[in-house]
Protein backbone atom coordinates (compact mmCIF):
# COMPACT_ATOMS: atom_id res chain seq x y z
CA UNK A 1 0.00 0.00 0.00
CA UNK A 2 1.36 3.41 -0.97
CA UNK A 3 1.97 6.38 1.27
CA UNK A 4 0.75 9.85 0.37
CA UNK A 5 3.53 12.45 0.47
CA UNK A 6 2.62 15.83 1.96
CA UNK A 7 5.03 18.76 1.80
CA UNK A 8 4.74 21.31 4.60
CA UNK A 9 4.87 25.05 3.94
CA UNK A 10 8.34 25.22 5.49
CA UNK A 11 9.59 22.41 3.25
CA UNK A 12 8.10 24.15 0.21
CA UNK A 13 10.00 27.32 1.12
CA UNK A 14 13.16 25.21 1.35
CA UNK A 15 12.44 23.72 -2.07
CA UNK A 16 11.86 27.21 -3.49
CA UNK A 17 15.28 28.25 -2.13
CA UNK A 18 16.84 25.13 -3.60
CA UNK A 19 15.27 26.01 -6.97
CA UNK A 20 16.75 29.53 -6.83
CA UNK A 21 20.15 28.09 -5.98
CA UNK A 22 20.03 25.60 -8.86
CA UNK A 23 18.72 28.17 -11.35
CA UNK A 24 21.70 30.38 -10.48
CA UNK A 25 23.72 27.84 -12.46
CA UNK A 26 21.24 27.21 -15.28
CA UNK A 27 17.49 26.68 -15.55
CA UNK A 28 18.19 23.24 -17.00
CA UNK A 29 20.14 22.30 -13.87
CA UNK A 30 17.07 23.01 -11.74
CA UNK A 31 14.85 21.01 -14.10
CA UNK A 32 17.16 18.03 -13.66
CA UNK A 33 17.20 18.36 -9.86
CA UNK A 34 13.45 18.94 -9.72
CA UNK A 35 12.85 15.68 -11.61
CA UNK A 36 15.19 13.83 -9.24
CA UNK A 37 13.45 15.34 -6.20
CA UNK A 38 10.06 14.32 -7.57
CA UNK A 39 11.34 10.74 -7.98
CA UNK A 40 12.40 10.71 -4.33
CA UNK A 41 8.92 11.78 -3.26
CA UNK A 42 6.88 9.78 -5.76
CA UNK A 43 8.92 6.60 -5.76
CA UNK A 44 11.00 6.20 -2.61
CA UNK A 45 8.88 7.99 -0.03
CA UNK A 46 5.58 6.75 -1.44
CA UNK A 47 6.66 3.11 -1.49
CA UNK A 48 9.36 2.61 1.15
CA UNK A 49 9.78 5.55 3.55
CA UNK A 50 11.12 3.29 6.32
CA UNK A 51 14.31 2.67 4.34
CA UNK A 52 16.12 5.66 5.81
CA UNK A 53 17.30 6.08 9.37
CA UNK A 54 16.30 8.58 11.97
CA UNK A 55 17.78 12.05 11.47
CA UNK A 56 21.07 12.31 13.37
CA UNK A 57 20.27 15.81 14.63
CA UNK A 58 16.90 15.03 16.19
CA UNK A 59 16.47 11.28 16.40
CA UNK A 60 13.03 9.67 16.26
CA UNK A 61 10.44 10.30 14.98
CA UNK A 62 12.26 12.36 12.33
CA UNK A 63 13.84 10.49 9.44
CA UNK A 64 16.16 11.89 6.78
CA UNK A 65 17.20 11.21 3.21
CA UNK A 66 20.41 12.80 1.92
CA UNK A 67 19.69 14.40 -1.46
CA UNK A 68 22.78 15.26 -3.51
CA UNK A 69 22.70 18.29 -5.80
CA UNK A 70 25.61 18.27 -8.21
CA UNK A 71 29.04 17.18 -7.05
CA UNK A 72 29.34 18.96 -3.73
CA UNK A 73 26.02 20.16 -2.35
CA UNK A 74 23.75 18.00 -0.21
CA UNK A 75 20.37 18.57 1.38
CA UNK A 76 18.68 16.59 4.15
CA UNK A 77 15.06 15.81 3.34
CA UNK A 78 13.62 15.51 6.84
CA UNK A 79 10.28 13.77 7.24
CA UNK A 80 7.99 11.84 9.54
CA UNK A 81 5.74 8.88 8.82
CA UNK A 82 2.11 8.73 9.94
CA UNK A 83 1.52 4.98 9.84
CA UNK A 84 -2.16 5.11 10.64
CA UNK A 85 -3.02 7.57 7.87
CA UNK A 86 -0.28 6.29 5.48
CA UNK A 87 1.25 9.75 5.06
CA UNK A 88 4.86 10.87 4.74
CA UNK A 89 5.15 14.45 5.98
CA UNK A 90 8.13 16.24 4.42
CA UNK A 91 9.16 18.84 6.99
CA UNK A 92 12.41 20.33 5.65
CA UNK A 93 14.76 20.23 2.69
CA UNK A 94 17.72 21.50 4.67
CA UNK A 95 21.23 22.31 3.42
CA UNK A 96 23.56 19.75 4.98
CA UNK A 97 26.38 22.31 5.16
CA UNK A 98 24.50 24.30 7.79
CA UNK A 99 25.31 24.06 11.48
CA UNK A 100 23.21 21.20 12.93
CA UNK A 101 22.50 23.25 16.05
CA UNK A 102 20.46 25.66 13.86
CA UNK A 103 18.04 22.98 12.69
CA UNK A 104 14.35 23.64 13.32
CA UNK A 105 11.28 21.90 11.95
PDB file of N, CA and C in Angstrom:
ATOM      1  N   UNK A   1       0.836  -1.180   0.000  1.00  0.00           N
ATOM      2  CA  UNK A   1       0.000   0.000   0.000  1.00  0.00           C
ATOM      3  C   UNK A   1       0.882   1.246   0.000  1.00  0.00           C
ATOM      4  N   UNK A   2       0.565   2.200  -0.831  1.00  0.00           N
ATOM      5  CA  UNK A   2       1.363   3.406  -0.971  1.00  0.00           C
ATOM      6  C   UNK A   2       1.097   4.410   0.137  1.00  0.00           C
ATOM      7  N   UNK A   3       2.096   5.252   0.363  1.00  0.00           N
ATOM      8  CA  UNK A   3       1.970   6.377   1.270  1.00  0.00           C
ATOM      9  C   UNK A   3       1.704   7.631   0.437  1.00  0.00           C
ATOM     10  N   UNK A   4       0.916   8.533   0.982  1.00  0.00           N
ATOM     11  CA  UNK A   4       0.750   9.848   0.372  1.00  0.00           C
ATOM     12  C   UNK A   4       1.877  10.728   0.904  1.00  0.00           C
ATOM     13  N   UNK A   5       2.457  11.557   0.056  1.00  0.00           N
ATOM     14  CA  UNK A   5       3.535  12.448   0.469  1.00  0.00           C
ATOM     15  C   UNK A   5       2.989  13.869   0.540  1.00  0.00           C
ATOM     16  N   UNK A   6       3.044  14.451   1.740  1.00  0.00           N
ATOM     17  CA  UNK A   6       2.622  15.835   1.959  1.00  0.00           C
ATOM     18  C   UNK A   6       3.855  16.682   2.235  1.00  0.00           C
ATOM     19  N   UNK A   7       3.902  17.840   1.626  1.00  0.00           N
ATOM     20  CA  UNK A   7       5.028  18.760   1.800  1.00  0.00           C
ATOM     21  C   UNK A   7       4.529  19.954   2.612  1.00  0.00           C
ATOM     22  N   UNK A   8       5.144  20.193   3.751  1.00  0.00           N
ATOM     23  CA  UNK A   8       4.741  21.310   4.603  1.00  0.00           C
ATOM     24  C   UNK A   8       5.117  22.639   3.942  1.00  0.00           C
ATOM     25  N   UNK A   9       4.528  23.724   4.450  1.00  0.00           N
ATOM     26  CA  UNK A   9       4.867  25.052   3.936  1.00  0.00           C
ATOM     27  C   UNK A   9       6.352  25.336   4.084  1.00  0.00           C
ATOM     28  N   UNK A  10       6.910  24.978   5.239  1.00  0.00           N
ATOM     29  CA  UNK A  10       8.342  25.222   5.489  1.00  0.00           C
ATOM     30  C   UNK A  10       9.188  24.453   4.488  1.00  0.00           C
ATOM     31  N   UNK A  11       8.843  23.203   4.226  1.00  0.00           N
ATOM     32  CA  UNK A  11       9.591  22.411   3.254  1.00  0.00           C
ATOM     33  C   UNK A  11       9.460  23.002   1.855  1.00  0.00           C
ATOM     34  N   UNK A  12       8.274  23.524   1.533  1.00  0.00           N
ATOM     35  CA  UNK A  12       8.096  24.146   0.211  1.00  0.00           C
ATOM     36  C   UNK A  12       8.966  25.385   0.076  1.00  0.00           C
ATOM     37  N   UNK A  13       9.095  26.166   1.146  1.00  0.00           N
ATOM     38  CA  UNK A  13       9.998  27.317   1.121  1.00  0.00           C
ATOM     39  C   UNK A  13      11.439  26.868   0.891  1.00  0.00           C
ATOM     40  N   UNK A  14      11.820  25.766   1.557  1.00  0.00           N
ATOM     41  CA  UNK A  14      13.164  25.215   1.354  1.00  0.00           C
ATOM     42  C   UNK A  14      13.359  24.793  -0.100  1.00  0.00           C
ATOM     43  N   UNK A  15      12.353  24.154  -0.680  1.00  0.00           N
ATOM     44  CA  UNK A  15      12.436  23.715  -2.074  1.00  0.00           C
ATOM     45  C   UNK A  15      12.531  24.930  -2.998  1.00  0.00           C
ATOM     46  N   UNK A  16      11.779  25.980  -2.699  1.00  0.00           N
ATOM     47  CA  UNK A  16      11.865  27.206  -3.494  1.00  0.00           C
ATOM     48  C   UNK A  16      13.278  27.791  -3.444  1.00  0.00           C
ATOM     49  N   UNK A  17      13.895  27.768  -2.261  1.00  0.00           N
ATOM     50  CA  UNK A  17      15.277  28.251  -2.128  1.00  0.00           C
ATOM     51  C   UNK A  17      16.243  27.361  -2.895  1.00  0.00           C
ATOM     52  N   UNK A  18      16.014  26.057  -2.839  1.00  0.00           N
ATOM     53  CA  UNK A  18      16.836  25.129  -3.600  1.00  0.00           C
ATOM     54  C   UNK A  18      16.700  25.417  -5.097  1.00  0.00           C
ATOM     55  N   UNK A  19      15.499  25.703  -5.549  1.00  0.00           N
ATOM     56  CA  UNK A  19      15.271  26.014  -6.965  1.00  0.00           C
ATOM     57  C   UNK A  19      16.045  27.268  -7.369  1.00  0.00           C
ATOM     58  N   UNK A  20      15.998  28.307  -6.527  1.00  0.00           N
ATOM     59  CA  UNK A  20      16.750  29.534  -6.834  1.00  0.00           C
ATOM     60  C   UNK A  20      18.240  29.247  -6.915  1.00  0.00           C
ATOM     61  N   UNK A  21      18.731  28.454  -5.980  1.00  0.00           N
ATOM     62  CA  UNK A  21      20.150  28.088  -5.977  1.00  0.00           C
ATOM     63  C   UNK A  21      20.516  27.366  -7.271  1.00  0.00           C
ATOM     64  N   UNK A  22      19.731  26.389  -7.657  1.00  0.00           N
ATOM     65  CA  UNK A  22      20.030  25.601  -8.864  1.00  0.00           C
ATOM     66  C   UNK A  22      19.903  26.443 -10.127  1.00  0.00           C
ATOM     67  N   UNK A  23      18.903  27.304 -10.169  1.00  0.00           N
ATOM     68  CA  UNK A  23      18.723  28.169 -11.349  1.00  0.00           C
ATOM     69  C   UNK A  23      19.855  29.171 -11.495  1.00  0.00           C
ATOM     70  N   UNK A  24      20.566  29.455 -10.394  1.00  0.00           N
ATOM     71  CA  UNK A  24      21.696  30.384 -10.485  1.00  0.00           C
ATOM     72  C   UNK A  24      22.807  29.801 -11.357  1.00  0.00           C
ATOM     73  N   UNK A  25      22.789  28.489 -11.530  1.00  0.00           N
ATOM     74  CA  UNK A  25      23.724  27.840 -12.456  1.00  0.00           C
ATOM     75  C   UNK A  25      23.111  27.868 -13.856  1.00  0.00           C
ATOM     76  N   UNK A  26      22.006  27.166 -14.027  1.00  0.00           N
ATOM     77  CA  UNK A  26      21.239  27.212 -15.277  1.00  0.00           C
ATOM     78  C   UNK A  26      19.826  26.729 -14.977  1.00  0.00           C
ATOM     79  N   UNK A  27      18.851  27.200 -15.735  1.00  0.00           N
ATOM     80  CA  UNK A  27      17.494  26.683 -15.546  1.00  0.00           C
ATOM     81  C   UNK A  27      17.420  25.174 -15.784  1.00  0.00           C
ATOM     82  N   UNK A  28      18.199  24.674 -16.717  1.00  0.00           N
ATOM     83  CA  UNK A  28      18.194  23.235 -17.004  1.00  0.00           C
ATOM     84  C   UNK A  28      18.696  22.430 -15.812  1.00  0.00           C
ATOM     85  N   UNK A  29      19.635  22.996 -15.051  1.00  0.00           N
ATOM     86  CA  UNK A  29      20.138  22.296 -13.868  1.00  0.00           C
ATOM     87  C   UNK A  29      19.014  22.113 -12.854  1.00  0.00           C
ATOM     88  N   UNK A  30      18.197  23.155 -12.646  1.00  0.00           N
ATOM     89  CA  UNK A  30      17.067  23.011 -11.741  1.00  0.00           C
ATOM     90  C   UNK A  30      16.079  21.979 -12.261  1.00  0.00           C
ATOM     91  N   UNK A  31      15.793  21.986 -13.542  1.00  0.00           N
ATOM     92  CA  UNK A  31      14.849  21.015 -14.103  1.00  0.00           C
ATOM     93  C   UNK A  31      15.310  19.583 -13.831  1.00  0.00           C
ATOM     94  N   UNK A  32      16.604  19.363 -13.954  1.00  0.00           N
ATOM     95  CA  UNK A  32      17.157  18.030 -13.662  1.00  0.00           C
ATOM     96  C   UNK A  32      16.986  17.678 -12.183  1.00  0.00           C
ATOM     97  N   UNK A  33      17.302  18.622 -11.302  1.00  0.00           N
ATOM     98  CA  UNK A  33      17.197  18.361  -9.859  1.00  0.00           C
ATOM     99  C   UNK A  33      15.737  18.220  -9.431  1.00  0.00           C
ATOM    100  N   UNK A  34      14.871  19.016 -10.043  1.00  0.00           N
ATOM    101  CA  UNK A  34      13.447  18.936  -9.724  1.00  0.00           C
ATOM    102  C   UNK A  34      12.885  17.554 -10.070  1.00  0.00           C
ATOM    103  N   UNK A  35      13.301  17.020 -11.207  1.00  0.00           N
ATOM    104  CA  UNK A  35      12.850  15.679 -11.607  1.00  0.00           C
ATOM    105  C   UNK A  35      13.380  14.626 -10.636  1.00  0.00           C
ATOM    106  N   UNK A  36      14.619  14.768 -10.205  1.00  0.00           N
ATOM    107  CA  UNK A  36      15.191  13.831  -9.242  1.00  0.00           C
ATOM    108  C   UNK A  36      14.464  13.914  -7.906  1.00  0.00           C
ATOM    109  N   UNK A  37      14.165  15.136  -7.458  1.00  0.00           N
ATOM    110  CA  UNK A  37      13.451  15.335  -6.200  1.00  0.00           C
ATOM    111  C   UNK A  37      12.058  14.719  -6.274  1.00  0.00           C
ATOM    112  N   UNK A  38      11.394  14.910  -7.387  1.00  0.00           N
ATOM    113  CA  UNK A  38      10.059  14.318  -7.575  1.00  0.00           C
ATOM    114  C   UNK A  38      10.129  12.801  -7.505  1.00  0.00           C
ATOM    115  N   UNK A  39      11.186  12.204  -8.065  1.00  0.00           N
ATOM    116  CA  UNK A  39      11.336  10.739  -7.982  1.00  0.00           C
ATOM    117  C   UNK A  39      11.505  10.285  -6.542  1.00  0.00           C
ATOM    118  N   UNK A  40      12.245  11.054  -5.749  1.00  0.00           N
ATOM    119  CA  UNK A  40      12.397  10.706  -4.330  1.00  0.00           C
ATOM    120  C   UNK A  40      11.026  10.668  -3.666  1.00  0.00           C
ATOM    121  N   UNK A  41      10.228  11.705  -3.892  1.00  0.00           N
ATOM    122  CA  UNK A  41       8.918  11.782  -3.259  1.00  0.00           C
ATOM    123  C   UNK A  41       7.962  10.729  -3.805  1.00  0.00           C
ATOM    124  N   UNK A  42       7.885  10.632  -5.123  1.00  0.00           N
ATOM    125  CA  UNK A  42       6.883   9.780  -5.761  1.00  0.00           C
ATOM    126  C   UNK A  42       7.241   8.296  -5.757  1.00  0.00           C
ATOM    127  N   UNK A  43       8.515   8.003  -5.717  1.00  0.00           N
ATOM    128  CA  UNK A  43       8.924   6.599  -5.758  1.00  0.00           C
ATOM    129  C   UNK A  43       9.368   6.107  -4.389  1.00  0.00           C
ATOM    130  N   UNK A  44      10.427   6.716  -3.849  1.00  0.00           N
ATOM    131  CA  UNK A  44      11.001   6.199  -2.608  1.00  0.00           C
ATOM    132  C   UNK A  44      10.114   6.449  -1.396  1.00  0.00           C
ATOM    133  N   UNK A  45       9.680   7.691  -1.215  1.00  0.00           N
ATOM    134  CA  UNK A  45       8.877   7.990  -0.026  1.00  0.00           C
ATOM    135  C   UNK A  45       7.495   7.361  -0.114  1.00  0.00           C
ATOM    136  N   UNK A  46       6.923   7.318  -1.287  1.00  0.00           N
ATOM    137  CA  UNK A  46       5.575   6.755  -1.438  1.00  0.00           C
ATOM    138  C   UNK A  46       5.555   5.246  -1.262  1.00  0.00           C
ATOM    139  N   UNK A  47       6.668   4.568  -1.557  1.00  0.00           N
ATOM    140  CA  UNK A  47       6.664   3.107  -1.493  1.00  0.00           C
ATOM    141  C   UNK A  47       7.458   2.535  -0.322  1.00  0.00           C
ATOM    142  N   UNK A  48       8.520   3.207   0.099  1.00  0.00           N
ATOM    143  CA  UNK A  48       9.360   2.613   1.149  1.00  0.00           C
ATOM    144  C   UNK A  48      10.009   3.666   2.046  1.00  0.00           C
ATOM    145  N   UNK A  49       9.210   4.471   2.734  1.00  0.00           N
ATOM    146  CA  UNK A  49       9.777   5.547   3.554  1.00  0.00           C
ATOM    147  C   UNK A  49      10.566   5.068   4.769  1.00  0.00           C
ATOM    148  N   UNK A  50      10.398   3.815   5.153  1.00  0.00           N
ATOM    149  CA  UNK A  50      11.119   3.292   6.317  1.00  0.00           C
ATOM    150  C   UNK A  50      12.570   2.939   6.005  1.00  0.00           C
ATOM    151  N   UNK A  51      12.954   3.042   4.764  1.00  0.00           N
ATOM    152  CA  UNK A  51      14.307   2.665   4.338  1.00  0.00           C
ATOM    153  C   UNK A  51      15.381   3.501   5.023  1.00  0.00           C
ATOM    154  N   UNK A  52      15.098   4.768   5.282  1.00  0.00           N
ATOM    155  CA  UNK A  52      16.121   5.664   5.807  1.00  0.00           C
ATOM    156  C   UNK A  52      16.024   5.798   7.312  1.00  0.00           C
ATOM    157  N   UNK A  53      17.183   6.022   7.913  1.00  0.00           N
ATOM    158  CA  UNK A  53      17.302   6.076   9.369  1.00  0.00           C
ATOM    159  C   UNK A  53      16.734   7.370   9.945  1.00  0.00           C
ATOM    160  N   UNK A  54      16.702   7.378  11.269  1.00  0.00           N
ATOM    161  CA  UNK A  54      16.304   8.580  11.970  1.00  0.00           C
ATOM    162  C   UNK A  54      17.363   9.657  11.770  1.00  0.00           C
ATOM    163  N   UNK A  55      16.912  10.908  11.719  1.00  0.00           N
ATOM    164  CA  UNK A  55      17.784  12.048  11.471  1.00  0.00           C
ATOM    165  C   UNK A  55      18.756  12.201  12.637  1.00  0.00           C
ATOM    166  N   UNK A  56      20.042  12.291  12.329  1.00  0.00           N
ATOM    167  CA  UNK A  56      21.073  12.305  13.373  1.00  0.00           C
ATOM    168  C   UNK A  56      20.961  13.517  14.294  1.00  0.00           C
ATOM    169  N   UNK A  57      20.379  14.596  13.821  1.00  0.00           N
ATOM    170  CA  UNK A  57      20.272  15.806  14.632  1.00  0.00           C
ATOM    171  C   UNK A  57      19.179  15.678  15.683  1.00  0.00           C
ATOM    172  N   UNK A  58      18.066  15.053  15.325  1.00  0.00           N
ATOM    173  CA  UNK A  58      16.897  15.031  16.195  1.00  0.00           C
ATOM    174  C   UNK A  58      16.553  13.658  16.753  1.00  0.00           C
ATOM    175  N   UNK A  59      16.915  12.616  16.023  1.00  0.00           N
ATOM    176  CA  UNK A  59      16.467  11.285  16.400  1.00  0.00           C
ATOM    177  C   UNK A  59      15.006  11.085  16.036  1.00  0.00           C
ATOM    178  N   UNK A  60      14.420  10.017  16.558  1.00  0.00           N
ATOM    179  CA  UNK A  60      13.026   9.670  16.260  1.00  0.00           C
ATOM    180  C   UNK A  60      12.109  10.771  16.770  1.00  0.00           C
ATOM    181  N   UNK A  61      11.026  11.025  16.099  1.00  0.00           N
ATOM    182  CA  UNK A  61      10.438  10.301  14.978  1.00  0.00           C
ATOM    183  C   UNK A  61      10.887  10.813  13.611  1.00  0.00           C
ATOM    184  N   UNK A  62      11.838  11.761  13.591  1.00  0.00           N
ATOM    185  CA  UNK A  62      12.261  12.362  12.334  1.00  0.00           C
ATOM    186  C   UNK A  62      13.238  11.463  11.587  1.00  0.00           C
ATOM    187  N   UNK A  63      12.961  11.255  10.315  1.00  0.00           N
ATOM    188  CA  UNK A  63      13.841  10.490   9.440  1.00  0.00           C
ATOM    189  C   UNK A  63      14.447  11.441   8.421  1.00  0.00           C
ATOM    190  N   UNK A  64      15.521  10.999   7.741  1.00  0.00           N
ATOM    191  CA  UNK A  64      16.158  11.889   6.778  1.00  0.00           C
ATOM    192  C   UNK A  64      16.764  11.117   5.621  1.00  0.00           C
ATOM    193  N   UNK A  65      16.631  11.715   4.460  1.00  0.00           N
ATOM    194  CA  UNK A  65      17.196  11.207   3.211  1.00  0.00           C
ATOM    195  C   UNK A  65      18.183  12.261   2.727  1.00  0.00           C
ATOM    196  N   UNK A  66      19.399  11.854   2.381  1.00  0.00           N
ATOM    197  CA  UNK A  66      20.412  12.799   1.916  1.00  0.00           C
ATOM    198  C   UNK A  66      20.317  12.927   0.403  1.00  0.00           C
ATOM    199  N   UNK A  67      19.907  14.105  -0.055  1.00  0.00           N
ATOM    200  CA  UNK A  67      19.689  14.404  -1.465  1.00  0.00           C
ATOM    201  C   UNK A  67      20.896  15.182  -1.978  1.00  0.00           C
ATOM    202  N   UNK A  68      21.584  14.621  -2.970  1.00  0.00           N
ATOM    203  CA  UNK A  68      22.776  15.255  -3.512  1.00  0.00           C
ATOM    204  C   UNK A  68      22.417  16.107  -4.723  1.00  0.00           C
ATOM    205  N   UNK A  69      22.921  17.337  -4.712  1.00  0.00           N
ATOM    206  CA  UNK A  69      22.696  18.285  -5.797  1.00  0.00           C
ATOM    207  C   UNK A  69      24.063  18.584  -6.412  1.00  0.00           C
ATOM    208  N   UNK A  70      24.302  18.069  -7.594  1.00  0.00           N
ATOM    209  CA  UNK A  70      25.611  18.268  -8.207  1.00  0.00           C
ATOM    210  C   UNK A  70      26.670  17.459  -7.485  1.00  0.00           C
ATOM    211  N   UNK A  71      27.910  17.926  -7.593  1.00  0.00           N
ATOM    212  CA  UNK A  71      29.044  17.177  -7.047  1.00  0.00           C
ATOM    213  C   UNK A  71      29.314  17.433  -5.572  1.00  0.00           C
ATOM    214  N   UNK A  72      28.920  18.613  -5.079  1.00  0.00           N
ATOM    215  CA  UNK A  72      29.342  18.962  -3.729  1.00  0.00           C
ATOM    216  C   UNK A  72      28.237  19.317  -2.757  1.00  0.00           C
ATOM    217  N   UNK A  73      27.077  19.656  -3.224  1.00  0.00           N
ATOM    218  CA  UNK A  73      26.021  20.161  -2.347  1.00  0.00           C
ATOM    219  C   UNK A  73      25.042  19.050  -1.986  1.00  0.00           C
ATOM    220  N   UNK A  74      24.675  19.017  -0.707  1.00  0.00           N
ATOM    221  CA  UNK A  74      23.750  17.997  -0.214  1.00  0.00           C
ATOM    222  C   UNK A  74      22.683  18.660   0.646  1.00  0.00           C
ATOM    223  N   UNK A  75      21.492  18.091   0.587  1.00  0.00           N
ATOM    224  CA  UNK A  75      20.375  18.575   1.382  1.00  0.00           C
ATOM    225  C   UNK A  75      19.745  17.393   2.106  1.00  0.00           C
ATOM    226  N   UNK A  76      19.431  17.586   3.398  1.00  0.00           N
ATOM    227  CA  UNK A  76      18.684  16.587   4.151  1.00  0.00           C
ATOM    228  C   UNK A  76      17.200  16.806   3.889  1.00  0.00           C
ATOM    229  N   UNK A  77      16.517  15.779   3.432  1.00  0.00           N
ATOM    230  CA  UNK A  77      15.060  15.814   3.340  1.00  0.00           C
ATOM    231  C   UNK A  77      14.568  15.157   4.631  1.00  0.00           C
ATOM    232  N   UNK A  78      14.038  15.971   5.518  1.00  0.00           N
ATOM    233  CA  UNK A  78      13.621  15.505   6.840  1.00  0.00           C
ATOM    234  C   UNK A  78      12.113  15.286   6.820  1.00  0.00           C
ATOM    235  N   UNK A  79      11.696  14.131   7.328  1.00  0.00           N
ATOM    236  CA  UNK A  79      10.281  13.768   7.241  1.00  0.00           C
ATOM    237  C   UNK A  79       9.869  12.880   8.397  1.00  0.00           C
ATOM    238  N   UNK A  80       8.565  12.775   8.585  1.00  0.00           N
ATOM    239  CA  UNK A  80       7.994  11.836   9.542  1.00  0.00           C
ATOM    240  C   UNK A  80       7.013  10.945   8.791  1.00  0.00           C
ATOM    241  N   UNK A  81       6.678   9.833   9.419  1.00  0.00           N
ATOM    242  CA  UNK A  81       5.736   8.882   8.823  1.00  0.00           C
ATOM    243  C   UNK A  81       4.539   8.743   9.750  1.00  0.00           C
ATOM    244  N   UNK A  82       3.363   8.963   9.207  1.00  0.00           N
ATOM    245  CA  UNK A  82       2.115   8.730   9.935  1.00  0.00           C
ATOM    246  C   UNK A  82       1.597   7.372   9.456  1.00  0.00           C
ATOM    247  N   UNK A  83       1.873   6.352  10.227  1.00  0.00           N
ATOM    248  CA  UNK A  83       1.521   4.976   9.843  1.00  0.00           C
ATOM    249  C   UNK A  83       0.019   4.793   9.683  1.00  0.00           C
ATOM    250  N   UNK A  84      -0.723   5.320  10.628  1.00  0.00           N
ATOM    251  CA  UNK A  84      -2.164   5.110  10.639  1.00  0.00           C
ATOM    252  C   UNK A  84      -2.837   5.696   9.396  1.00  0.00           C
ATOM    253  N   UNK A  85      -2.413   6.900   9.023  1.00  0.00           N
ATOM    254  CA  UNK A  85      -3.018   7.566   7.873  1.00  0.00           C
ATOM    255  C   UNK A  85      -2.250   7.307   6.571  1.00  0.00           C
ATOM    256  N   UNK A  86      -1.110   6.611   6.662  1.00  0.00           N
ATOM    257  CA  UNK A  86      -0.281   6.287   5.483  1.00  0.00           C
ATOM    258  C   UNK A  86       0.189   7.560   4.776  1.00  0.00           C
ATOM    259  N   UNK A  87       0.774   8.477   5.587  1.00  0.00           N
ATOM    260  CA  UNK A  87       1.245   9.751   5.058  1.00  0.00           C
ATOM    261  C   UNK A  87       2.708   9.957   5.440  1.00  0.00           C
ATOM    262  N   UNK A  88       3.502  10.410   4.479  1.00  0.00           N
ATOM    263  CA  UNK A  88       4.858  10.874   4.740  1.00  0.00           C
ATOM    264  C   UNK A  88       4.793  12.397   4.732  1.00  0.00           C
ATOM    265  N   UNK A  89       5.162  12.992   5.854  1.00  0.00           N
ATOM    266  CA  UNK A  89       5.155  14.448   5.983  1.00  0.00           C
ATOM    267  C   UNK A  89       6.575  14.967   5.794  1.00  0.00           C
ATOM    268  N   UNK A  90       6.817  15.645   4.678  1.00  0.00           N
ATOM    269  CA  UNK A  90       8.129  16.240   4.417  1.00  0.00           C
ATOM    270  C   UNK A  90       8.168  17.571   5.159  1.00  0.00           C
ATOM    271  N   UNK A  91       9.103  17.686   6.105  1.00  0.00           N
ATOM    272  CA  UNK A  91       9.161  18.843   6.986  1.00  0.00           C
ATOM    273  C   UNK A  91      10.182  19.882   6.553  1.00  0.00           C
ATOM    274  N   UNK A  92      11.330  19.426   6.061  1.00  0.00           N
ATOM    275  CA  UNK A  92      12.408  20.331   5.652  1.00  0.00           C
ATOM    276  C   UNK A  92      13.176  19.720   4.491  1.00  0.00           C
ATOM    277  N   UNK A  93      13.753  20.597   3.689  1.00  0.00           N
ATOM    278  CA  UNK A  93      14.764  20.225   2.694  1.00  0.00           C
ATOM    279  C   UNK A  93      15.921  21.157   3.035  1.00  0.00           C
ATOM    280  N   UNK A  94      16.792  20.678   3.916  1.00  0.00           N
ATOM    281  CA  UNK A  94      17.716  21.504   4.672  1.00  0.00           C
ATOM    282  C   UNK A  94      19.152  21.302   4.201  1.00  0.00           C
ATOM    283  N   UNK A  95      19.850  22.385   3.901  1.00  0.00           N
ATOM    284  CA  UNK A  95      21.226  22.310   3.415  1.00  0.00           C
ATOM    285  C   UNK A  95      22.111  21.620   4.457  1.00  0.00           C
ATOM    286  N   UNK A  96      22.746  20.544   4.062  1.00  0.00           N
ATOM    287  CA  UNK A  96      23.559  19.749   4.985  1.00  0.00           C
ATOM    288  C   UNK A  96      24.819  20.471   5.435  1.00  0.00           C
ATOM    289  N   UNK A  97      25.194  21.550   4.762  1.00  0.00           N
ATOM    290  CA  UNK A  97      26.383  22.309   5.156  1.00  0.00           C
ATOM    291  C   UNK A  97      26.105  23.238   6.343  1.00  0.00           C
ATOM    292  N   UNK A  98      24.850  23.411   6.673  1.00  0.00           N
ATOM    293  CA  UNK A  98      24.503  24.299   7.790  1.00  0.00           C
ATOM    294  C   UNK A  98      24.852  23.662   9.121  1.00  0.00           C
ATOM    295  N   UNK A  99      25.011  24.505  10.114  1.00  0.00           N
ATOM    296  CA  UNK A  99      25.311  24.059  11.475  1.00  0.00           C
ATOM    297  C   UNK A  99      24.121  23.276  12.017  1.00  0.00           C
ATOM    298  N   UNK A 100      24.322  22.021  12.428  1.00  0.00           N
ATOM    299  CA  UNK A 100      23.210  21.201  12.931  1.00  0.00           C
ATOM    300  C   UNK A 100      22.476  21.823  14.110  1.00  0.00           C
ATOM    301  N   UNK A 101      23.169  22.638  14.897  1.00  0.00           N
ATOM    302  CA  UNK A 101      22.495  23.253  16.046  1.00  0.00           C
ATOM    303  C   UNK A 101      21.441  24.279  15.626  1.00  0.00           C
ATOM    304  N   UNK A 102      21.446  24.700  14.367  1.00  0.00           N
ATOM    305  CA  UNK A 102      20.459  25.657  13.858  1.00  0.00           C
ATOM    306  C   UNK A 102      19.208  24.999  13.314  1.00  0.00           C
ATOM    307  N   UNK A 103      19.176  23.668  13.291  1.00  0.00           N
ATOM    308  CA  UNK A 103      18.040  22.975  12.686  1.00  0.00           C
ATOM    309  C   UNK A 103      16.762  23.198  13.475  1.00  0.00           C
ATOM    310  N   UNK A 104      15.692  23.528  12.754  1.00  0.00           N
ATOM    311  CA  UNK A 104      14.347  23.642  13.323  1.00  0.00           C
ATOM    312  C   UNK A 104      13.363  23.058  12.335  1.00  0.00           C
ATOM    313  N   UNK A 105      12.313  22.430  12.844  1.00  0.00           N
ATOM    314  CA  UNK A 105      11.276  21.901  11.946  1.00  0.00           C
ATOM    315  C   UNK A 105      10.232  22.960  11.707  1.00  0.00           C
TER     316      UNK A 105
END
